[in-house]
Amino acid sequence: MALTQLDQHAALIIIDLQKGIVSLPLAHSARDIVTKSDTLAKVCRQKNISVVIVNVTGFAKGRNDMGEHSPPPADWANLVPELTVESQDKLISKQTWGAFTNTDLDQYLKQNNITQLFICGIATSMGVESTARFASELGYNVVLITDVMSDMNENSHDNSIKNIFPKLGETVKYEEFLTLLNH
């Protein structure tokens, strides 16, 4: 599907492009995801579209079948150096899959009258999907840039893109999105 329109106030949200996540075995090239995300951020800044960069610094509380989490390496949450961060970017550190839970993301977006969110990053079925679900529930116009994301599992990635994302918002490819931004 193609993006129907660009809202007057929008933000690009880049999910979890950090050392500990991009080093995981992914279904798609992490380097490609990082490079495309960095380009999107640069174009968005030029178009006065807010850029929000999210990293995860811990784990949600509560039991799960994966057992207890070991402390991650010291630089696990550091953003990859290939992702340019500018002073006007909003940085969000989260403890759960989604970028809205226990952060000031919603408050920041509302203070800036942002109605539309462009989302990309890693992992498709976790951080990206959780953020998109909350964004949709909060009433934002969600746009998922489907070839600027990846997952540890190809089936999980495909399920999110084919079955979940069309229910949460609009889906678009990288080149289509750049073309829309540059018109």
N, C-alpha and C. Protein backbone atom coordinates (compact mmCIF):
# COMPACT_ATOMS: atom_id res chain seq x y z
N MET A 1 0.84 -1.18 0.00
CA MET A 1 0.00 0.00 0.00
C MET A 1 0.89 1.24 0.00
N ALA A 2 0.35 2.33 -0.42
CA ALA A 2 1.11 3.58 -0.47
C ALA A 2 0.57 4.56 0.57
N LEU A 3 1.40 5.46 0.95
CA LEU A 3 1.05 6.50 1.90
C LEU A 3 0.07 7.46 1.26
N THR A 4 -1.03 7.76 1.95
CA THR A 4 -2.07 8.61 1.37
C THR A 4 -1.73 10.09 1.45
N GLN A 5 -1.09 10.51 2.54
CA GLN A 5 -0.74 11.92 2.66
C GLN A 5 0.27 12.14 3.77
N LEU A 6 0.94 13.26 3.70
CA LEU A 6 1.84 13.69 4.77
C LEU A 6 1.10 14.71 5.62
N ASP A 7 1.09 14.50 6.93
CA ASP A 7 0.49 15.47 7.84
C ASP A 7 1.42 16.68 7.98
N GLN A 8 0.85 17.78 8.41
CA GLN A 8 1.64 19.00 8.59
C GLN A 8 2.71 18.83 9.67
N HIS A 9 2.40 18.07 10.72
CA HIS A 9 3.34 17.85 11.82
C HIS A 9 3.57 16.35 11.97
N ALA A 10 4.79 15.92 11.70
CA ALA A 10 5.12 14.50 11.72
C ALA A 10 6.45 14.27 12.42
N ALA A 11 6.71 13.01 12.72
CA ALA A 11 7.98 12.63 13.33
C ALA A 11 8.41 11.28 12.79
N LEU A 12 9.71 11.14 12.62
CA LEU A 12 10.33 9.86 12.29
C LEU A 12 10.78 9.24 13.61
N ILE A 13 10.38 8.00 13.85
CA ILE A 13 10.82 7.28 15.05
C ILE A 13 11.70 6.11 14.62
N ILE A 14 12.93 6.14 15.08
CA ILE A 14 13.91 5.09 14.75
C ILE A 14 14.09 4.23 16.00
N ILE A 15 13.80 2.95 15.86
CA ILE A 15 13.76 2.03 17.00
C ILE A 15 15.04 1.19 17.12
N ASP A 16 15.71 1.31 18.25
CA ASP A 16 16.73 0.38 18.75
C ASP A 16 17.91 0.09 17.82
N LEU A 17 18.41 1.11 17.15
CA LEU A 17 19.63 0.92 16.35
C LEU A 17 20.83 1.16 17.25
N GLN A 18 21.05 0.17 18.08
CA GLN A 18 22.08 0.23 19.11
C GLN A 18 22.97 -1.00 18.99
N LYS A 19 24.14 -0.91 19.58
CA LYS A 19 25.16 -1.95 19.43
C LYS A 19 24.65 -3.35 19.77
N GLY A 20 23.96 -3.49 20.87
CA GLY A 20 23.50 -4.80 21.30
C GLY A 20 22.42 -5.41 20.44
N ILE A 21 21.65 -4.57 19.76
CA ILE A 21 20.56 -5.08 18.91
C ILE A 21 21.06 -5.36 17.49
N VAL A 22 21.80 -4.43 16.90
CA VAL A 22 22.26 -4.64 15.52
C VAL A 22 23.26 -5.78 15.41
N SER A 23 23.86 -6.18 16.53
CA SER A 23 24.81 -7.30 16.49
C SER A 23 24.13 -8.66 16.56
N LEU A 24 22.82 -8.69 16.78
CA LEU A 24 22.09 -9.95 16.82
C LEU A 24 21.98 -10.53 15.41
N PRO A 25 21.79 -11.84 15.30
CA PRO A 25 21.57 -12.42 13.97
C PRO A 25 20.19 -11.99 13.45
N LEU A 26 20.18 -11.22 12.37
CA LEU A 26 18.94 -10.65 11.83
C LEU A 26 18.60 -11.26 10.48
N ALA A 27 17.34 -11.19 10.12
CA ALA A 27 16.87 -11.71 8.83
C ALA A 27 17.31 -10.83 7.67
N HIS A 28 17.61 -9.56 7.94
CA HIS A 28 18.01 -8.61 6.91
C HIS A 28 19.26 -7.87 7.39
N SER A 29 19.94 -7.24 6.47
CA SER A 29 21.19 -6.56 6.78
C SER A 29 21.00 -5.39 7.76
N ALA A 30 21.65 -5.50 8.92
CA ALA A 30 21.61 -4.41 9.90
C ALA A 30 22.25 -3.15 9.31
N ARG A 31 23.32 -3.34 8.58
CA ARG A 31 24.00 -2.19 7.96
C ARG A 31 23.06 -1.43 7.04
N ASP A 32 22.26 -2.17 6.26
CA ASP A 32 21.30 -1.54 5.35
C ASP A 32 20.23 -0.78 6.13
N ILE A 33 19.74 -1.36 7.21
CA ILE A 33 18.72 -0.72 8.04
C ILE A 33 19.28 0.57 8.64
N VAL A 34 20.50 0.52 9.15
CA VAL A 34 21.13 1.69 9.76
C VAL A 34 21.36 2.78 8.71
N THR A 35 21.89 2.41 7.55
CA THR A 35 22.18 3.38 6.49
C THR A 35 20.89 4.07 6.02
N LYS A 36 19.86 3.29 5.77
CA LYS A 36 18.59 3.86 5.32
C LYS A 36 17.96 4.73 6.42
N SER A 37 18.04 4.30 7.66
CA SER A 37 17.49 5.09 8.77
C SER A 37 18.21 6.42 8.90
N ASP A 38 19.53 6.39 8.76
CA ASP A 38 20.31 7.62 8.84
C ASP A 38 19.93 8.58 7.70
N THR A 39 19.77 8.05 6.51
CA THR A 39 19.34 8.89 5.38
C THR A 39 17.96 9.47 5.62
N LEU A 40 17.04 8.64 6.11
CA LEU A 40 15.69 9.14 6.41
C LEU A 40 15.74 10.26 7.45
N ALA A 41 16.57 10.09 8.47
CA ALA A 41 16.68 11.12 9.50
C ALA A 41 17.19 12.43 8.89
N LYS A 42 18.18 12.35 8.03
CA LYS A 42 18.73 13.56 7.41
C LYS A 42 17.68 14.27 6.56
N VAL A 43 16.95 13.51 5.76
CA VAL A 43 15.91 14.10 4.91
C VAL A 43 14.80 14.70 5.77
N CYS A 44 14.39 13.98 6.81
CA CYS A 44 13.34 14.49 7.70
C CYS A 44 13.76 15.80 8.36
N ARG A 45 14.98 15.86 8.84
CA ARG A 45 15.46 17.11 9.45
C ARG A 45 15.41 18.26 8.45
N GLN A 46 15.79 18.00 7.21
CA GLN A 46 15.75 19.04 6.17
C GLN A 46 14.33 19.51 5.90
N LYS A 47 13.36 18.63 6.10
CA LYS A 47 11.94 18.95 5.86
C LYS A 47 11.24 19.40 7.14
N ASN A 48 12.00 19.69 8.19
CA ASN A 48 11.45 20.10 9.50
C ASN A 48 10.51 19.06 10.09
N ILE A 49 10.82 17.80 9.87
CA ILE A 49 10.10 16.68 10.48
C ILE A 49 10.94 16.23 11.67
N SER A 50 10.32 16.15 12.83
CA SER A 50 11.04 15.76 14.04
C SER A 50 11.62 14.36 13.90
N VAL A 51 12.77 14.16 14.53
CA VAL A 51 13.42 12.85 14.56
C VAL A 51 13.51 12.39 16.00
N VAL A 52 12.98 11.21 16.26
CA VAL A 52 13.02 10.60 17.58
C VAL A 52 13.85 9.33 17.47
N ILE A 53 14.88 9.24 18.29
CA ILE A 53 15.75 8.07 18.27
C ILE A 53 15.59 7.33 19.60
N VAL A 54 15.25 6.06 19.50
CA VAL A 54 14.91 5.26 20.67
C VAL A 54 15.96 4.17 20.86
N ASN A 55 16.33 3.95 22.12
CA ASN A 55 17.13 2.77 22.45
C ASN A 55 16.49 2.09 23.65
N VAL A 56 16.85 0.86 23.85
CA VAL A 56 16.35 0.11 25.00
C VAL A 56 17.52 -0.12 25.95
N THR A 57 17.28 0.20 27.22
CA THR A 57 18.37 0.13 28.20
C THR A 57 18.16 -0.95 29.25
N GLY A 58 17.06 -1.67 29.16
CA GLY A 58 16.80 -2.70 30.16
C GLY A 58 15.70 -3.62 29.69
N PHE A 59 15.09 -4.29 30.63
CA PHE A 59 14.07 -5.27 30.33
C PHE A 59 12.85 -5.01 31.19
N ALA A 60 11.69 -5.30 30.64
CA ALA A 60 10.45 -5.17 31.39
C ALA A 60 10.47 -6.11 32.59
N LYS A 61 9.85 -5.67 33.66
CA LYS A 61 9.74 -6.50 34.85
C LYS A 61 8.73 -7.61 34.60
N GLY A 62 8.80 -8.63 35.36
CA GLY A 62 7.83 -9.72 35.24
C GLY A 62 8.47 -10.99 34.70
N ARG A 63 7.85 -12.10 35.00
CA ARG A 63 8.36 -13.39 34.58
C ARG A 63 7.95 -13.69 33.14
N ASN A 64 8.78 -14.46 32.46
CA ASN A 64 8.43 -14.98 31.14
C ASN A 64 9.16 -16.30 30.94
N ASP A 65 8.87 -16.97 29.85
CA ASP A 65 9.46 -18.27 29.60
C ASP A 65 10.94 -18.22 29.24
N MET A 66 11.47 -17.03 29.02
CA MET A 66 12.89 -16.88 28.68
C MET A 66 13.77 -16.93 29.93
N GLY A 67 13.16 -16.83 31.11
CA GLY A 67 13.93 -16.85 32.35
C GLY A 67 14.45 -15.48 32.70
N GLU A 68 15.33 -15.41 33.67
CA GLU A 68 15.88 -14.13 34.10
C GLU A 68 16.90 -13.63 33.08
N HIS A 69 16.96 -12.30 32.98
CA HIS A 69 17.91 -11.68 32.05
C HIS A 69 19.24 -11.44 32.73
N SER A 70 20.29 -11.76 32.04
CA SER A 70 21.63 -11.41 32.51
C SER A 70 21.87 -9.94 32.19
N PRO A 71 22.69 -9.27 32.98
CA PRO A 71 23.00 -7.88 32.63
C PRO A 71 23.68 -7.83 31.26
N PRO A 72 23.25 -6.89 30.40
CA PRO A 72 23.88 -6.78 29.08
C PRO A 72 25.28 -6.18 29.19
N PRO A 73 26.11 -6.32 28.15
CA PRO A 73 27.43 -5.68 28.15
C PRO A 73 27.29 -4.16 28.32
N ALA A 74 28.35 -3.52 28.77
CA ALA A 74 28.31 -2.10 29.09
C ALA A 74 27.88 -1.22 27.92
N ASP A 75 28.28 -1.54 26.70
CA ASP A 75 27.94 -0.69 25.56
C ASP A 75 26.72 -1.18 24.77
N TRP A 76 26.00 -2.13 25.30
CA TRP A 76 24.85 -2.75 24.65
C TRP A 76 23.81 -1.72 24.19
N ALA A 77 23.53 -0.73 25.00
CA ALA A 77 22.48 0.25 24.70
C ALA A 77 22.99 1.45 23.90
N ASN A 78 24.29 1.53 23.65
CA ASN A 78 24.84 2.67 22.90
C ASN A 78 24.35 2.63 21.46
N LEU A 79 23.92 3.79 20.97
CA LEU A 79 23.52 3.89 19.57
C LEU A 79 24.72 3.59 18.68
N VAL A 80 24.45 2.98 17.52
CA VAL A 80 25.55 2.70 16.60
C VAL A 80 26.11 4.02 16.08
N PRO A 81 27.43 4.12 15.93
CA PRO A 81 28.03 5.38 15.50
C PRO A 81 27.64 5.80 14.09
N GLU A 82 27.19 4.88 13.26
CA GLU A 82 26.78 5.20 11.89
C GLU A 82 25.46 5.96 11.84
N LEU A 83 24.74 6.00 12.94
CA LEU A 83 23.47 6.73 13.02
C LEU A 83 23.75 8.12 13.57
N THR A 84 23.58 9.12 12.73
CA THR A 84 23.84 10.50 13.11
C THR A 84 22.76 10.99 14.07
N VAL A 85 23.19 11.56 15.19
CA VAL A 85 22.28 12.16 16.15
C VAL A 85 22.57 13.66 16.17
N GLU A 86 21.54 14.45 15.97
CA GLU A 86 21.67 15.91 15.99
C GLU A 86 21.08 16.45 17.29
N SER A 87 21.49 17.66 17.65
CA SER A 87 21.07 18.25 18.93
C SER A 87 19.55 18.42 19.03
N GLN A 88 18.86 18.62 17.90
CA GLN A 88 17.41 18.81 17.94
C GLN A 88 16.63 17.50 18.01
N ASP A 89 17.30 16.36 17.87
CA ASP A 89 16.62 15.07 17.94
C ASP A 89 16.15 14.78 19.36
N LYS A 90 15.04 14.11 19.47
CA LYS A 90 14.52 13.66 20.76
C LYS A 90 15.05 12.25 21.00
N LEU A 91 15.74 12.05 22.11
CA LEU A 91 16.25 10.73 22.48
C LEU A 91 15.35 10.12 23.54
N ILE A 92 14.98 8.88 23.33
CA ILE A 92 14.11 8.15 24.26
C ILE A 92 14.82 6.86 24.65
N SER A 93 14.98 6.63 25.93
CA SER A 93 15.48 5.34 26.42
C SER A 93 14.31 4.63 27.09
N LYS A 94 14.10 3.40 26.68
CA LYS A 94 12.96 2.63 27.17
C LYS A 94 13.43 1.36 27.89
N GLN A 95 12.54 0.81 28.68
CA GLN A 95 12.82 -0.42 29.42
C GLN A 95 11.98 -1.59 28.93
N THR A 96 11.08 -1.32 27.99
CA THR A 96 10.18 -2.34 27.47
C THR A 96 10.27 -2.35 25.95
N TRP A 97 9.50 -3.19 25.31
CA TRP A 97 9.52 -3.26 23.85
C TRP A 97 9.08 -1.95 23.21
N GLY A 98 7.99 -1.38 23.72
CA GLY A 98 7.41 -0.19 23.10
C GLY A 98 7.99 1.11 23.62
N ALA A 99 8.10 2.09 22.73
CA ALA A 99 8.71 3.38 23.07
C ALA A 99 7.79 4.30 23.86
N PHE A 100 6.52 3.96 24.01
CA PHE A 100 5.60 4.83 24.74
C PHE A 100 5.52 4.48 26.23
N THR A 101 5.76 3.23 26.59
CA THR A 101 5.58 2.78 27.97
C THR A 101 6.62 3.39 28.90
N ASN A 102 6.14 4.13 29.90
CA ASN A 102 6.98 4.75 30.93
C ASN A 102 8.06 5.69 30.37
N THR A 103 7.74 6.37 29.26
CA THR A 103 8.62 7.39 28.70
C THR A 103 7.80 8.66 28.49
N ASP A 104 8.45 9.73 28.08
CA ASP A 104 7.73 10.97 27.81
C ASP A 104 7.46 11.16 26.31
N LEU A 105 7.48 10.07 25.53
CA LEU A 105 7.30 10.17 24.09
C LEU A 105 5.95 10.79 23.72
N ASP A 106 4.87 10.29 24.26
CA ASP A 106 3.54 10.82 23.93
C ASP A 106 3.44 12.31 24.28
N GLN A 107 3.94 12.66 25.44
CA GLN A 107 3.93 14.07 25.87
C GLN A 107 4.72 14.94 24.89
N TYR A 108 5.90 14.50 24.50
CA TYR A 108 6.72 15.23 23.54
C TYR A 108 5.98 15.42 22.22
N LEU A 109 5.38 14.36 21.70
CA LEU A 109 4.68 14.43 20.43
C LEU A 109 3.50 15.39 20.50
N LYS A 110 2.74 15.30 21.57
CA LYS A 110 1.58 16.19 21.73
C LYS A 110 2.01 17.65 21.89
N GLN A 111 3.07 17.90 22.65
CA GLN A 111 3.57 19.28 22.82
C GLN A 111 3.99 19.88 21.49
N ASN A 112 4.40 19.04 20.55
CA ASN A 112 4.85 19.51 19.24
C ASN A 112 3.78 19.34 18.16
N ASN A 113 2.54 19.07 18.60
CA ASN A 113 1.39 18.94 17.69
C ASN A 113 1.59 17.89 16.60
N ILE A 114 2.36 16.87 16.90
CA ILE A 114 2.65 15.81 15.92
C ILE A 114 1.47 14.85 15.84
N THR A 115 1.02 14.60 14.62
CA THR A 115 -0.12 13.72 14.39
C THR A 115 0.24 12.47 13.59
N GLN A 116 1.41 12.48 12.95
CA GLN A 116 1.79 11.36 12.09
C GLN A 116 3.18 10.87 12.47
N LEU A 117 3.33 9.54 12.55
CA LEU A 117 4.60 8.93 12.93
C LEU A 117 5.07 7.99 11.84
N PHE A 118 6.32 8.17 11.42
CA PHE A 118 6.98 7.27 10.48
C PHE A 118 7.91 6.40 11.31
N ILE A 119 7.73 5.10 11.26
CA ILE A 119 8.46 4.20 12.15
C ILE A 119 9.31 3.21 11.37
N CYS A 120 10.56 3.04 11.85
CA CYS A 120 11.47 2.05 11.27
C CYS A 120 12.39 1.55 12.40
N GLY A 121 13.18 0.52 12.12
CA GLY A 121 14.14 0.04 13.11
C GLY A 121 14.13 -1.46 13.30
N ILE A 122 14.61 -1.87 14.46
CA ILE A 122 14.77 -3.28 14.80
C ILE A 122 14.22 -3.49 16.22
N ALA A 123 13.49 -4.45 16.49
CA ALA A 123 13.06 -5.61 15.72
C ALA A 123 11.60 -5.43 15.33
N THR A 124 11.32 -5.86 14.11
CA THR A 124 10.00 -5.66 13.51
C THR A 124 8.87 -6.11 14.43
N SER A 125 8.95 -7.34 14.94
CA SER A 125 7.84 -7.92 15.72
C SER A 125 7.88 -7.55 17.20
N MET A 126 8.88 -6.79 17.59
CA MET A 126 9.01 -6.44 19.01
C MET A 126 8.94 -4.92 19.18
N GLY A 127 10.08 -4.24 19.15
CA GLY A 127 10.11 -2.80 19.39
C GLY A 127 9.32 -1.99 18.39
N VAL A 128 9.44 -2.34 17.10
CA VAL A 128 8.71 -1.60 16.06
C VAL A 128 7.22 -1.83 16.22
N GLU A 129 6.80 -3.09 16.28
CA GLU A 129 5.38 -3.39 16.37
C GLU A 129 4.75 -2.86 17.66
N SER A 130 5.43 -3.00 18.78
CA SER A 130 4.89 -2.50 20.04
C SER A 130 4.70 -0.99 20.00
N THR A 131 5.67 -0.29 19.46
CA THR A 131 5.56 1.17 19.35
C THR A 131 4.42 1.54 18.41
N ALA A 132 4.30 0.84 17.30
CA ALA A 132 3.22 1.12 16.34
C ALA A 132 1.85 0.83 16.95
N ARG A 133 1.75 -0.25 17.73
CA ARG A 133 0.46 -0.57 18.37
C ARG A 133 0.01 0.55 19.31
N PHE A 134 0.93 1.00 20.17
CA PHE A 134 0.58 2.08 21.09
C PHE A 134 0.27 3.37 20.34
N ALA A 135 1.05 3.67 19.31
CA ALA A 135 0.82 4.89 18.53
C ALA A 135 -0.58 4.86 17.91
N SER A 136 -0.95 3.72 17.36
CA SER A 136 -2.28 3.57 16.77
C SER A 136 -3.36 3.75 17.83
N GLU A 137 -3.19 3.11 18.97
CA GLU A 137 -4.18 3.22 20.05
C GLU A 137 -4.31 4.65 20.57
N LEU A 138 -3.21 5.41 20.51
CA LEU A 138 -3.22 6.80 20.97
C LEU A 138 -3.75 7.76 19.90
N GLY A 139 -4.05 7.25 18.71
CA GLY A 139 -4.67 8.06 17.68
C GLY A 139 -3.73 8.71 16.68
N TYR A 140 -2.47 8.34 16.69
CA TYR A 140 -1.53 8.88 15.70
C TYR A 140 -1.76 8.20 14.35
N ASN A 141 -1.48 8.91 13.28
CA ASN A 141 -1.45 8.33 11.94
C ASN A 141 -0.10 7.65 11.80
N VAL A 142 -0.11 6.34 11.71
CA VAL A 142 1.11 5.53 11.73
C VAL A 142 1.49 5.13 10.32
N VAL A 143 2.76 5.31 9.99
CA VAL A 143 3.32 4.88 8.71
C VAL A 143 4.53 4.02 9.02
N LEU A 144 4.52 2.81 8.52
CA LEU A 144 5.60 1.86 8.76
C LEU A 144 6.41 1.68 7.49
N ILE A 145 7.70 1.97 7.58
CA ILE A 145 8.60 1.88 6.43
C ILE A 145 9.18 0.47 6.44
N THR A 146 8.50 -0.42 5.72
CA THR A 146 8.68 -1.86 5.91
C THR A 146 10.02 -2.43 5.46
N ASP A 147 10.72 -1.77 4.56
CA ASP A 147 12.03 -2.29 4.17
C ASP A 147 13.17 -1.56 4.89
N VAL A 148 12.81 -0.86 5.97
CA VAL A 148 13.82 -0.24 6.84
C VAL A 148 13.59 -0.78 8.25
N MET A 149 13.43 -2.10 8.31
CA MET A 149 13.28 -2.80 9.58
C MET A 149 13.66 -4.26 9.37
N SER A 150 13.99 -4.91 10.47
CA SER A 150 14.32 -6.32 10.42
C SER A 150 13.99 -6.96 11.76
N ASP A 151 14.10 -8.26 11.78
CA ASP A 151 13.78 -9.06 12.96
C ASP A 151 14.79 -10.19 13.04
N MET A 152 14.85 -10.86 14.17
CA MET A 152 15.71 -12.02 14.31
C MET A 152 15.13 -13.22 13.57
N ASN A 153 13.85 -13.17 13.26
CA ASN A 153 13.17 -14.30 12.63
C ASN A 153 12.39 -13.79 11.42
N GLU A 154 12.66 -14.34 10.25
CA GLU A 154 11.99 -13.91 9.02
C GLU A 154 10.48 -14.09 9.10
N ASN A 155 10.01 -15.19 9.70
CA ASN A 155 8.57 -15.42 9.81
C ASN A 155 7.90 -14.37 10.70
N SER A 156 8.54 -14.00 11.78
CA SER A 156 7.99 -12.96 12.66
C SER A 156 7.93 -11.63 11.93
N HIS A 157 9.01 -11.31 11.22
CA HIS A 157 9.08 -10.08 10.42
C HIS A 157 7.93 -10.04 9.41
N ASP A 158 7.78 -11.13 8.65
CA ASP A 158 6.75 -11.19 7.62
C ASP A 158 5.35 -11.11 8.22
N ASN A 159 5.14 -11.77 9.34
CA ASN A 159 3.82 -11.73 9.98
C ASN A 159 3.45 -10.31 10.37
N SER A 160 4.39 -9.58 10.96
CA SER A 160 4.10 -8.19 11.34
C SER A 160 3.75 -7.36 10.12
N ILE A 161 4.55 -7.47 9.08
CA ILE A 161 4.35 -6.65 7.88
C ILE A 161 3.06 -7.00 7.15
N LYS A 162 2.78 -8.28 7.01
CA LYS A 162 1.63 -8.71 6.21
C LYS A 162 0.31 -8.71 6.99
N ASN A 163 0.36 -9.05 8.27
CA ASN A 163 -0.88 -9.26 9.02
C ASN A 163 -1.19 -8.22 10.09
N ILE A 164 -0.17 -7.62 10.65
CA ILE A 164 -0.39 -6.68 11.76
C ILE A 164 -0.35 -5.23 11.29
N PHE A 165 0.70 -4.86 10.59
CA PHE A 165 0.89 -3.45 10.22
C PHE A 165 -0.26 -2.85 9.41
N PRO A 166 -0.86 -3.57 8.46
CA PRO A 166 -1.97 -2.96 7.72
C PRO A 166 -3.16 -2.59 8.62
N LYS A 167 -3.25 -3.19 9.78
CA LYS A 167 -4.32 -2.88 10.73
C LYS A 167 -3.96 -1.69 11.63
N LEU A 168 -2.66 -1.39 11.72
CA LEU A 168 -2.19 -0.32 12.62
C LEU A 168 -1.96 1.00 11.89
N GLY A 169 -1.76 0.94 10.58
CA GLY A 169 -1.46 2.16 9.85
C GLY A 169 -1.23 1.88 8.39
N GLU A 170 -0.46 2.76 7.78
CA GLU A 170 -0.12 2.61 6.37
C GLU A 170 1.29 2.06 6.26
N THR A 171 1.53 1.30 5.20
CA THR A 171 2.86 0.76 4.98
C THR A 171 3.43 1.35 3.69
N VAL A 172 4.73 1.56 3.69
CA VAL A 172 5.39 2.17 2.55
C VAL A 172 6.81 1.63 2.48
N LYS A 173 7.38 1.64 1.30
CA LYS A 173 8.77 1.25 1.10
C LYS A 173 9.66 2.49 1.14
N TYR A 174 10.91 2.27 1.42
CA TYR A 174 11.91 3.32 1.57
C TYR A 174 11.93 4.30 0.39
N GLU A 175 12.06 3.79 -0.83
CA GLU A 175 12.15 4.67 -2.01
C GLU A 175 10.88 5.47 -2.21
N GLU A 176 9.71 4.83 -2.01
CA GLU A 176 8.44 5.54 -2.11
C GLU A 176 8.35 6.67 -1.08
N PHE A 177 8.82 6.37 0.11
CA PHE A 177 8.75 7.34 1.19
C PHE A 177 9.66 8.54 0.90
N LEU A 178 10.87 8.28 0.42
CA LEU A 178 11.78 9.37 0.06
C LEU A 178 11.17 10.23 -1.05
N THR A 179 10.55 9.59 -2.02
CA THR A 179 9.90 10.35 -3.11
C THR A 179 8.80 11.25 -2.56
N LEU A 180 7.99 10.73 -1.65
CA LEU A 180 6.93 11.54 -1.05
C LEU A 180 7.50 12.72 -0.27
N LEU A 181 8.55 12.47 0.48
CA LEU A 181 9.16 13.55 1.28
C LEU A 181 9.75 14.65 0.40
N ASN A 182 10.25 14.27 -0.76
CA ASN A 182 10.92 15.23 -1.62
C ASN A 182 9.99 15.95 -2.59
N HIS A 183 8.69 15.78 -2.45
CA HIS A 183 7.74 16.52 -3.30
C HIS A 183 7.18 17.71 -2.59
